């Protein structure tokens, strides 16, 4: 729930499970390499990729593992990814966005012909039932490499475990102070 702020606006409560996300860093791990699997992304096309709930990213040219547990973390809201365009055939850009969502007008990475250039981005992911969570549009033909460096999940609240360390009865008379 949002609370009214001092100026009549709204503020979030710290630790709110429906709005806050927790960043989980991982050792950088390759999840996409079109030089290894899938081939170049053709000019003015969009390719879709699986980012979450993956036991092995090799089918996308990535690591033959679940990237240190990231693939086993279930569906997560966003991914921290370092994208690399490799040898594009003309100047252009890529745009990464949630699977099948409208493509935003902003670019994720800009490149020139023959470039090998990287850019870091946090990409919101589709959390629907589809196997793919991320779409990538490329303006020019290019290979794409993507290394996952972390992800954002909803916070997991554990049970409160209270332990009584001391207990005593204190009697405080009417109209007097007491210390416990």
Protein backbone atom coordinates (compact mmCIF):
# COMPACT_ATOMS: atom_id res chain seq x y z
CA UNK A 1 0.00 0.00 0.00
CA UNK A 2 1.12 3.50 -0.72
CA UNK A 3 1.16 6.05 2.07
CA UNK A 4 0.34 9.74 1.65
CA UNK A 5 3.55 11.76 1.77
CA UNK A 6 3.97 15.19 3.39
CA UNK A 7 3.23 17.00 0.11
CA UNK A 8 0.14 14.91 -0.65
CA UNK A 9 2.13 12.53 -2.89
CA UNK A 10 2.65 8.86 -2.12
CA UNK A 11 5.61 6.94 -0.76
CA UNK A 12 6.38 3.23 -0.57
CA UNK A 13 6.99 1.44 2.67
CA UNK A 14 10.46 -0.08 3.05
CA UNK A 15 10.41 -3.83 2.48
CA UNK A 16 7.07 -3.84 0.68
CA UNK A 17 6.90 -7.25 -1.03
CA UNK A 18 4.66 -6.10 -3.88
CA UNK A 19 6.84 -3.15 -4.95
CA UNK A 20 10.43 -3.61 -3.81
CA UNK A 21 12.87 -5.87 -5.62
CA UNK A 22 16.07 -7.40 -4.31
CA UNK A 23 19.21 -7.51 -6.49
CA UNK A 24 21.01 -10.85 -6.51
CA UNK A 25 24.53 -10.49 -7.99
CA UNK A 26 26.15 -13.49 -9.66
CA UNK A 27 29.52 -14.22 -11.21
CA UNK A 28 29.15 -12.99 -14.82
CA UNK A 29 27.83 -15.83 -16.93
CA UNK A 30 27.16 -16.07 -20.68
CA UNK A 31 23.50 -16.70 -21.48
CA UNK A 32 23.51 -15.77 -25.20
CA UNK A 33 26.13 -16.01 -27.96
CA UNK A 34 24.70 -16.05 -31.48
CA UNK A 35 28.17 -16.88 -32.86
CA UNK A 36 27.78 -20.29 -31.22
CA UNK A 37 24.03 -20.93 -31.60
CA UNK A 38 21.25 -19.31 -33.60
CA UNK A 39 23.38 -17.29 -36.03
CA UNK A 40 23.32 -13.55 -36.65
CA UNK A 41 20.25 -11.51 -35.85
CA UNK A 42 19.00 -10.26 -39.21
CA UNK A 43 18.50 -6.54 -39.81
CA UNK A 44 15.19 -5.11 -38.58
CA UNK A 45 14.16 -8.30 -36.81
CA UNK A 46 13.48 -9.32 -33.24
CA UNK A 47 14.76 -12.50 -31.60
CA UNK A 48 13.42 -13.93 -28.35
CA UNK A 49 15.50 -15.40 -25.54
CA UNK A 50 15.01 -17.50 -22.41
CA UNK A 51 16.57 -15.88 -19.34
CA UNK A 52 14.91 -17.50 -16.30
CA UNK A 53 14.22 -21.08 -15.21
CA UNK A 54 17.01 -22.47 -17.43
CA UNK A 55 19.16 -25.42 -16.40
CA UNK A 56 21.60 -24.99 -19.30
CA UNK A 57 22.06 -21.91 -21.55
CA UNK A 58 24.02 -23.80 -24.26
CA UNK A 59 20.99 -23.88 -26.61
CA UNK A 60 21.41 -20.08 -26.93
CA UNK A 61 25.21 -20.30 -27.22
CA UNK A 62 25.67 -19.62 -23.50
CA UNK A 63 27.16 -21.57 -20.63
CA UNK A 64 26.41 -25.26 -20.29
CA UNK A 65 25.14 -24.57 -16.77
CA UNK A 66 22.43 -22.71 -14.89
CA UNK A 67 24.86 -19.81 -14.28
CA UNK A 68 25.56 -20.41 -10.63
CA UNK A 69 21.91 -20.89 -9.69
CA UNK A 70 20.41 -18.00 -11.68
CA UNK A 71 18.65 -20.42 -13.99
CA UNK A 72 17.20 -22.24 -10.98
CA UNK A 73 15.97 -19.03 -9.29
CA UNK A 74 12.60 -19.28 -11.01
CA UNK A 75 10.95 -16.37 -12.78
CA UNK A 76 12.52 -13.04 -11.89
CA UNK A 77 11.38 -9.51 -12.66
CA UNK A 78 14.48 -8.05 -14.30
CA UNK A 79 17.99 -9.03 -15.34
CA UNK A 80 21.29 -7.14 -15.18
CA UNK A 81 22.96 -7.97 -18.50
CA UNK A 82 26.10 -6.87 -20.34
CA UNK A 83 25.26 -6.91 -24.07
CA UNK A 84 27.92 -7.05 -26.81
CA UNK A 85 27.27 -6.41 -30.51
CA UNK A 86 29.84 -8.32 -32.57
CA UNK A 87 30.65 -7.33 -36.14
CA UNK A 88 27.43 -5.60 -37.24
CA UNK A 89 27.21 -5.04 -41.00
CA UNK A 90 26.02 -1.39 -40.71
CA UNK A 91 25.53 1.32 -38.08
CA UNK A 92 22.57 0.71 -35.80
CA UNK A 93 21.38 -0.36 -32.39
CA UNK A 94 19.79 -3.15 -30.39
CA UNK A 95 16.88 -2.76 -28.01
CA UNK A 96 16.19 -5.33 -25.28
CA UNK A 97 12.70 -5.43 -23.76
CA UNK A 98 10.19 -7.83 -22.15
CA UNK A 99 9.11 -10.71 -24.39
CA UNK A 100 6.42 -9.62 -26.88
CA UNK A 101 5.92 -6.24 -25.17
CA UNK A 102 5.82 -3.16 -27.39
CA UNK A 103 9.37 -2.28 -28.44
CA UNK A 104 10.51 0.89 -26.67
CA UNK A 105 11.95 3.77 -28.69
CA UNK A 106 15.15 3.78 -26.60
CA UNK A 107 18.21 1.78 -27.62
CA UNK A 108 20.06 -0.59 -25.30
CA UNK A 109 23.32 -0.51 -27.28
CA UNK A 110 24.47 1.53 -30.32
CA UNK A 111 27.05 0.25 -32.81
CA UNK A 112 28.82 1.03 -36.08
CA UNK A 113 29.74 -1.41 -38.87
CA UNK A 114 32.46 -3.89 -37.89
CA UNK A 115 32.28 -2.86 -34.21
CA UNK A 116 32.68 -4.99 -31.12
CA UNK A 117 31.01 -2.85 -28.49
CA UNK A 118 29.42 -3.57 -25.11
CA UNK A 119 26.84 -1.87 -22.93
CA UNK A 120 25.34 -2.79 -19.57
CA UNK A 121 21.57 -2.64 -19.07
CA UNK A 122 18.91 -3.69 -16.63
CA UNK A 123 16.10 -5.27 -18.63
CA UNK A 124 12.59 -5.84 -17.34
CA UNK A 125 11.48 -9.40 -18.17
CA UNK A 126 8.15 -10.94 -19.03
CA UNK A 127 6.91 -13.02 -16.10
CA UNK A 128 4.15 -14.82 -18.00
CA UNK A 129 3.96 -18.52 -18.78
CA UNK A 130 6.08 -18.36 -21.96
CA UNK A 131 9.52 -19.97 -22.05
CA UNK A 132 11.01 -16.71 -23.37
CA UNK A 133 11.25 -13.62 -21.16
CA UNK A 134 13.26 -11.17 -23.29
CA UNK A 135 13.08 -9.91 -26.86
CA UNK A 136 15.97 -8.17 -28.67
CA UNK A 137 15.46 -6.04 -31.78
CA UNK A 138 18.45 -5.28 -34.03
CA UNK A 139 18.47 -2.47 -36.59
CA UNK A 140 21.37 -3.97 -38.59
CA UNK A 141 22.56 -7.55 -38.96
CA UNK A 142 24.78 -8.44 -36.01
CA UNK A 143 25.91 -11.17 -33.68
CA UNK A 144 24.88 -10.71 -30.05
CA UNK A 145 26.61 -11.83 -26.87
CA UNK A 146 24.93 -11.39 -23.47
CA UNK A 147 26.42 -12.00 -20.03
CA UNK A 148 24.11 -12.12 -17.02
CA UNK A 149 25.63 -10.40 -13.97
CA UNK A 150 22.62 -10.46 -11.64
CA UNK A 151 18.86 -10.44 -11.37
CA UNK A 152 16.03 -8.84 -9.42
CA UNK A 153 13.55 -10.90 -7.41
CA UNK A 154 10.71 -10.15 -5.02
CA UNK A 155 11.99 -10.16 -1.44
CA UNK A 156 11.56 -13.37 0.49
CA UNK A 157 10.44 -12.68 4.01
CA UNK A 158 11.39 -15.32 6.52
CA UNK A 159 9.45 -16.11 9.66
CA UNK A 160 10.20 -13.96 12.66
CA UNK A 161 11.96 -16.08 15.23
CA UNK A 162 11.65 -14.39 18.62
CA UNK A 163 13.60 -15.73 21.55
CA UNK A 164 12.82 -14.70 25.12
CA UNK A 165 16.12 -13.95 26.80
CA UNK A 166 14.82 -12.88 30.23
CA UNK A 167 11.50 -12.62 31.94
CA UNK A 168 10.48 -10.93 35.17
CA UNK A 169 7.33 -9.58 36.76
CA UNK A 170 7.51 -5.91 37.74
CA UNK A 171 4.97 -4.25 39.99
CA UNK A 172 4.44 -0.52 39.49
CA UNK A 173 2.26 1.26 42.02
CA UNK A 174 -0.33 3.78 40.88
CA UNK A 175 1.03 7.30 40.21
CA UNK A 176 4.66 6.09 40.28
CA UNK A 177 7.36 5.15 37.78
CA UNK A 178 8.83 1.74 37.21
CA UNK A 179 11.84 0.39 35.31
CA UNK A 180 12.03 -2.99 33.71
